C-alpha atoms as a PDB file:
ATOM      1  CA  UNK A   1     -37.793 -22.971 -15.033  1.00  0.00           C
ATOM      2  CA  UNK A   2     -39.865 -25.085 -17.388  1.00  0.00           C
ATOM      3  CA  UNK A   3     -39.439 -28.837 -17.165  1.00  0.00           C
ATOM      4  CA  UNK A   4     -40.388 -30.804 -20.263  1.00  0.00           C
ATOM      5  CA  UNK A   5     -41.065 -34.487 -20.760  1.00  0.00           C
ATOM      6  CA  UNK A   6     -43.046 -36.272 -23.410  1.00  0.00           C
ATOM      7  CA  UNK A   7     -45.584 -38.903 -22.290  1.00  0.00           C
ATOM      8  CA  UNK A   8     -43.604 -41.749 -23.903  1.00  0.00           C
ATOM      9  CA  UNK A   9     -40.561 -40.797 -21.800  1.00  0.00           C
ATOM     10  CA  UNK A  10     -42.597 -40.979 -18.566  1.00  0.00           C
ATOM     11  CA  UNK A  11     -44.173 -44.272 -19.686  1.00  0.00           C
ATOM     12  CA  UNK A  12     -40.772 -45.800 -20.501  1.00  0.00           C
ATOM     13  CA  UNK A  13     -39.358 -44.706 -17.130  1.00  0.00           C
ATOM     14  CA  UNK A  14     -42.292 -46.184 -15.219  1.00  0.00           C
ATOM     15  CA  UNK A  15     -41.943 -49.475 -17.130  1.00  0.00           C
ATOM     16  CA  UNK A  16     -38.178 -49.528 -16.451  1.00  0.00           C
ATOM     17  CA  UNK A  17     -38.823 -49.009 -12.737  1.00  0.00           C
ATOM     18  CA  UNK A  18     -41.124 -52.044 -12.600  1.00  0.00           C
ATOM     19  CA  UNK A  19     -44.571 -50.408 -12.545  1.00  0.00           C
ATOM     20  CA  UNK A  20     -47.417 -52.680 -13.732  1.00  0.00           C
ATOM     21  CA  UNK A  21     -49.231 -51.167 -16.695  1.00  0.00           C
ATOM     22  CA  UNK A  22     -53.008 -51.304 -16.969  1.00  0.00           C
ATOM     23  CA  UNK A  23     -55.218 -49.835 -19.656  1.00  0.00           C
ATOM     24  CA  UNK A  24     -57.173 -46.785 -18.569  1.00  0.00           C
ATOM     25  CA  UNK A  25     -59.918 -44.966 -20.435  1.00  0.00           C
ATOM     26  CA  UNK A  26     -59.067 -43.684 -23.886  1.00  0.00           C
ATOM     27  CA  UNK A  27     -55.438 -42.636 -24.175  1.00  0.00           C
ATOM     28  CA  UNK A  28     -54.765 -42.784 -20.419  1.00  0.00           C
ATOM     29  CA  UNK A  29     -52.524 -45.494 -18.981  1.00  0.00           C
ATOM     30  CA  UNK A  30     -52.620 -46.522 -15.334  1.00  0.00           C
ATOM     31  CA  UNK A  31     -49.501 -47.827 -13.608  1.00  0.00           C
ATOM     32  CA  UNK A  32     -49.577 -49.615 -10.242  1.00  0.00           C
ATOM     33  CA  UNK A  33     -46.824 -50.594  -7.841  1.00  0.00           C
ATOM     34  CA  UNK A  34     -46.878 -51.397  -4.117  1.00  0.00           C
ATOM     35  CA  UNK A  35     -50.357 -49.920  -3.597  1.00  0.00           C
ATOM     36  CA  UNK A  36     -49.540 -46.698  -5.451  1.00  0.00           C
ATOM     37  CA  UNK A  37     -51.119 -45.522  -8.695  1.00  0.00           C
ATOM     38  CA  UNK A  38     -49.875 -43.184 -11.446  1.00  0.00           C
ATOM     39  CA  UNK A  39     -51.996 -42.103 -14.430  1.00  0.00           C
ATOM     40  CA  UNK A  40     -50.270 -40.867 -17.602  1.00  0.00           C
ATOM     41  CA  UNK A  41     -52.205 -39.380 -20.522  1.00  0.00           C
ATOM     42  CA  UNK A  42     -50.559 -40.536 -23.749  1.00  0.00           C
ATOM     43  CA  UNK A  43     -51.295 -37.359 -25.727  1.00  0.00           C
ATOM     44  CA  UNK A  44     -49.044 -35.709 -28.339  1.00  0.00           C
ATOM     45  CA  UNK A  45     -46.661 -33.010 -27.134  1.00  0.00           C
ATOM     46  CA  UNK A  46     -45.092 -32.364 -23.746  1.00  0.00           C
ATOM     47  CA  UNK A  47     -46.750 -33.122 -20.418  1.00  0.00           C
ATOM     48  CA  UNK A  48     -47.786 -29.842 -18.710  1.00  0.00           C
ATOM     49  CA  UNK A  49     -45.445 -28.929 -15.848  1.00  0.00           C
ATOM     50  CA  UNK A  50     -48.062 -29.292 -13.087  1.00  0.00           C
ATOM     51  CA  UNK A  51     -49.158 -32.687 -14.394  1.00  0.00           C
ATOM     52  CA  UNK A  52     -45.550 -33.830 -14.633  1.00  0.00           C
ATOM     53  CA  UNK A  53     -44.912 -32.658 -11.063  1.00  0.00           C
ATOM     54  CA  UNK A  54     -47.897 -34.740  -9.878  1.00  0.00           C
ATOM     55  CA  UNK A  55     -46.665 -37.813 -11.813  1.00  0.00           C
ATOM     56  CA  UNK A  56     -43.239 -37.337 -10.214  1.00  0.00           C
ATOM     57  CA  UNK A  57     -44.802 -37.022  -6.727  1.00  0.00           C
ATOM     58  CA  UNK A  58     -46.897 -40.163  -7.186  1.00  0.00           C
ATOM     59  CA  UNK A  59     -43.961 -42.150  -8.609  1.00  0.00           C
ATOM     60  CA  UNK A  60     -41.617 -40.762  -5.907  1.00  0.00           C
ATOM     61  CA  UNK A  61     -39.231 -39.221  -8.446  1.00  0.00           C
ATOM     62  CA  UNK A  62     -36.936 -36.379  -7.504  1.00  0.00           C
ATOM     63  CA  UNK A  63     -38.453 -32.943  -8.198  1.00  0.00           C
ATOM     64  CA  UNK A  64     -37.264 -30.884  -9.910  1.00  0.00           C
ATOM     65  CA  UNK A  65     -35.388 -33.489 -11.942  1.00  0.00           C
ATOM     66  CA  UNK A  66     -31.666 -33.026 -12.375  1.00  0.00           C
ATOM     67  CA  UNK A  67     -30.451 -32.601 -15.945  1.00  0.00           C
END
């Protein structure tokens, strides 16, 4: 099963959930909340599945996401 999410969708969800956004290097954005950190690369196209799984783990999202 291939899970797809565009970077802007992950960024919007993190913002909605109250993560503090900080500028990273280049096109990378760093989000912080309660001592945790999530890095999202704002590149065109979908986030690779392994990268998305790691973002979900760091942000404590359910994996695999329910449709």
